[in-house]
Every structure is written in structure tokens, then in C-alpha cells.
């Protein structure tokens, strides 16, 4: 913690951390436990369970987002009117926000990228 002075809440947190540390040291000493650092590979970390897996019945595997299909690459997008592009951008924004609410951040990031590409296309084709 960084501050010019220690507030009551900071002091309570510091005191609680100290209390827990002392309790852990006593526990470890009584049982002859020497704490050691755990080293895991990227693959082991990605396979381990997380809080998000509790919320979703089917945990998602690690996804590489390179070479993903892009809606903007569809030939039909290049033939859209300004009004159609605006509607597509709005629909993509809604999907992005819903994915973020569902804590599906990979999908939300993909939707954000799609939306930005459509906005760029809109600006190039129609100036706005």
C-alpha cells in the first residue's frame, strides 16, 4: 500500500494480514512445513480450474484468436449502404456488451475488433 498516512481501514488490513501470517507460521512450524514456490507451465495454468468455470457449466479451452473469421472480410459487407453498416455496427456493439456481461471476454474482444473494422470501412466509404 502506498499513501501519505495510514488510515483506519489500512491499519485494520495490515493488522489482519500480520495476524494471519503469524497463525500460518505457527501452523507450518508445528507440522514441519517449509513453504516453497510452485512452478507451473502455461499449459498447467490453463488446465487448472477457476472461479469462472463455476459460473459456466462447460469451461472454455484456451483459444488462439489468430486467423479468426472476420465478418468484415465477407464480400457482402463491402456492398452495404451506410444505413446497413450503421445497423451492423449497432448489432455488433450489442453482442459485444452482452458477451462482456456474460464474462466472455474473448468474444467481447472479437466483437470490438469487428465493430472497429466496420467503423473504419464506414468512414472510408461514406466519410462518417
Protein backbone atom coordinates (compact mmCIF):
# COMPACT_ATOMS: atom_id res chain seq x y z
CA UNK A 1 0.00 0.00 0.00
CA UNK A 2 1.17 3.49 -0.78
CA UNK A 3 -0.10 6.58 0.99
CA UNK A 4 0.99 9.66 2.87
CA UNK A 5 -0.66 8.38 6.04
CA UNK A 6 -2.15 5.14 7.32
CA UNK A 7 -5.94 5.25 7.54
CA UNK A 8 -8.06 3.14 9.92
CA UNK A 9 -9.01 0.73 7.15
CA UNK A 10 -5.39 0.38 6.07
CA UNK A 11 -4.32 -0.33 9.66
CA UNK A 12 -7.07 -2.93 10.04
CA UNK A 13 -5.90 -4.63 6.84
CA UNK A 14 -2.25 -4.57 7.94
CA UNK A 15 -3.16 -5.96 11.38
CA UNK A 16 -5.28 -8.75 9.87
CA UNK A 17 -2.52 -9.69 7.42
CA UNK A 18 0.00 -9.82 10.27
CA UNK A 19 -2.37 -11.94 12.39
CA UNK A 20 -2.91 -14.42 9.55
CA UNK A 21 0.81 -14.57 8.74
CA UNK A 22 1.65 -15.34 12.41
CA UNK A 23 -1.04 -18.04 12.51
CA UNK A 24 0.31 -19.61 9.30
CA UNK A 25 3.89 -19.58 10.62
CA UNK A 26 2.81 -21.36 13.83
CA UNK A 27 0.85 -23.94 11.81
CA UNK A 28 3.81 -24.56 9.48
CA UNK A 29 6.30 -24.83 12.39
CA UNK A 30 4.13 -27.33 14.31
CA UNK A 31 3.85 -29.59 11.26
CA UNK A 32 7.38 -29.15 9.91
CA UNK A 33 6.19 -27.48 6.71
CA UNK A 34 8.60 -25.35 4.70
CA UNK A 35 6.73 -23.15 2.21
CA UNK A 36 8.06 -23.39 -1.36
CA UNK A 37 7.24 -21.62 -4.59
CA UNK A 38 5.05 -23.54 -7.03
CA UNK A 39 6.23 -23.50 -10.63
CA UNK A 40 3.67 -24.29 -13.32
CA UNK A 41 3.85 -24.27 -17.09
CA UNK A 42 1.45 -22.20 -19.17
CA UNK A 43 -0.41 -25.38 -20.10
CA UNK A 44 -0.83 -26.42 -16.45
CA UNK A 45 -2.19 -22.99 -15.57
CA UNK A 46 -4.66 -23.02 -18.46
CA UNK A 47 -5.92 -26.50 -17.44
CA UNK A 48 -6.46 -25.56 -13.79
CA UNK A 49 -9.93 -24.67 -12.61
CA UNK A 50 -11.03 -21.12 -11.99
CA UNK A 51 -13.91 -19.20 -10.48
CA UNK A 52 -15.35 -18.61 -13.96
CA UNK A 53 -15.68 -22.36 -14.53
CA UNK A 54 -18.10 -22.48 -11.60
CA UNK A 55 -20.38 -19.98 -13.35
CA UNK A 56 -20.27 -21.75 -16.71
CA UNK A 57 -21.19 -25.44 -16.93
CA UNK A 58 -18.81 -26.06 -19.84
CA UNK A 59 -15.42 -24.39 -19.29
CA UNK A 60 -13.91 -22.96 -22.44
CA UNK A 61 -10.49 -24.07 -23.52
CA UNK A 62 -7.71 -21.61 -24.25
CA UNK A 63 -8.40 -20.07 -27.65
CA UNK A 64 -5.85 -18.57 -30.01
CA UNK A 65 -7.58 -15.72 -31.80
CA UNK A 66 -5.19 -15.56 -34.75
CA UNK A 67 -6.68 -16.29 -38.16
CA UNK A 68 -10.25 -15.98 -36.87
CA UNK A 69 -13.03 -15.41 -39.40
CA UNK A 70 -13.88 -11.74 -39.77
CA UNK A 71 -17.35 -10.56 -40.74
CA UNK A 72 -15.77 -7.52 -42.38
CA UNK A 73 -13.99 -9.89 -44.79
CA UNK A 74 -17.39 -11.01 -46.13
CA UNK A 75 -17.93 -9.61 -49.64
CA UNK A 76 -21.47 -8.51 -48.75
CA UNK A 77 -20.17 -6.03 -46.16
CA UNK A 78 -18.34 -4.08 -48.86
CA UNK A 79 -21.68 -3.63 -50.70
CA UNK A 80 -23.66 -2.42 -47.68
CA UNK A 81 -25.21 1.03 -47.60
CA UNK A 82 -24.26 3.50 -44.88
CA UNK A 83 -27.54 2.73 -43.08
CA UNK A 84 -26.89 -1.03 -43.23
CA UNK A 85 -23.35 -0.55 -41.91
CA UNK A 86 -24.65 1.59 -39.02
CA UNK A 87 -27.15 -1.15 -38.15
CA UNK A 88 -24.44 -3.83 -38.35
CA UNK A 89 -22.20 -1.73 -36.08
CA UNK A 90 -25.04 -1.29 -33.55
CA UNK A 91 -25.83 -5.02 -33.60
CA UNK A 92 -22.15 -5.87 -33.09
CA UNK A 93 -21.93 -3.38 -30.20
CA UNK A 94 -24.92 -5.08 -28.51
CA UNK A 95 -23.30 -8.50 -28.95
CA UNK A 96 -20.03 -7.16 -27.52
CA UNK A 97 -21.74 -5.70 -24.45
CA UNK A 98 -23.72 -8.90 -23.87
CA UNK A 99 -20.55 -11.00 -24.13
CA UNK A 100 -18.85 -8.71 -21.61
CA UNK A 101 -21.81 -9.05 -19.22
CA UNK A 102 -21.52 -12.83 -19.60
CA UNK A 103 -17.78 -12.56 -18.80
CA UNK A 104 -16.97 -13.98 -22.25
CA UNK A 105 -14.17 -11.53 -22.82
CA UNK A 106 -12.68 -13.30 -25.84
CA UNK A 107 -15.96 -12.94 -27.73
CA UNK A 108 -16.34 -9.37 -26.50
CA UNK A 109 -12.86 -8.51 -27.80
CA UNK A 110 -13.66 -10.14 -31.15
CA UNK A 111 -16.89 -8.13 -31.42
CA UNK A 112 -15.00 -4.94 -30.53
CA UNK A 113 -12.48 -5.60 -33.29
CA UNK A 114 -15.28 -6.32 -35.79
CA UNK A 115 -17.05 -3.13 -34.79
CA UNK A 116 -13.88 -1.08 -35.22
CA UNK A 117 -13.26 -2.58 -38.66
CA UNK A 118 -16.81 -1.77 -39.75
CA UNK A 119 -16.45 1.79 -38.43
CA UNK A 120 -13.25 2.13 -40.43
CA UNK A 121 -14.98 0.81 -43.57
CA UNK A 122 -17.89 3.20 -42.99
CA UNK A 123 -15.51 6.14 -42.70
CA UNK A 124 -13.57 5.11 -45.83
CA UNK A 125 -16.70 4.56 -47.95
CA UNK A 126 -19.02 7.27 -46.71
CA UNK A 127 -16.83 9.68 -44.74
CA UNK A 128 -18.56 9.09 -41.44
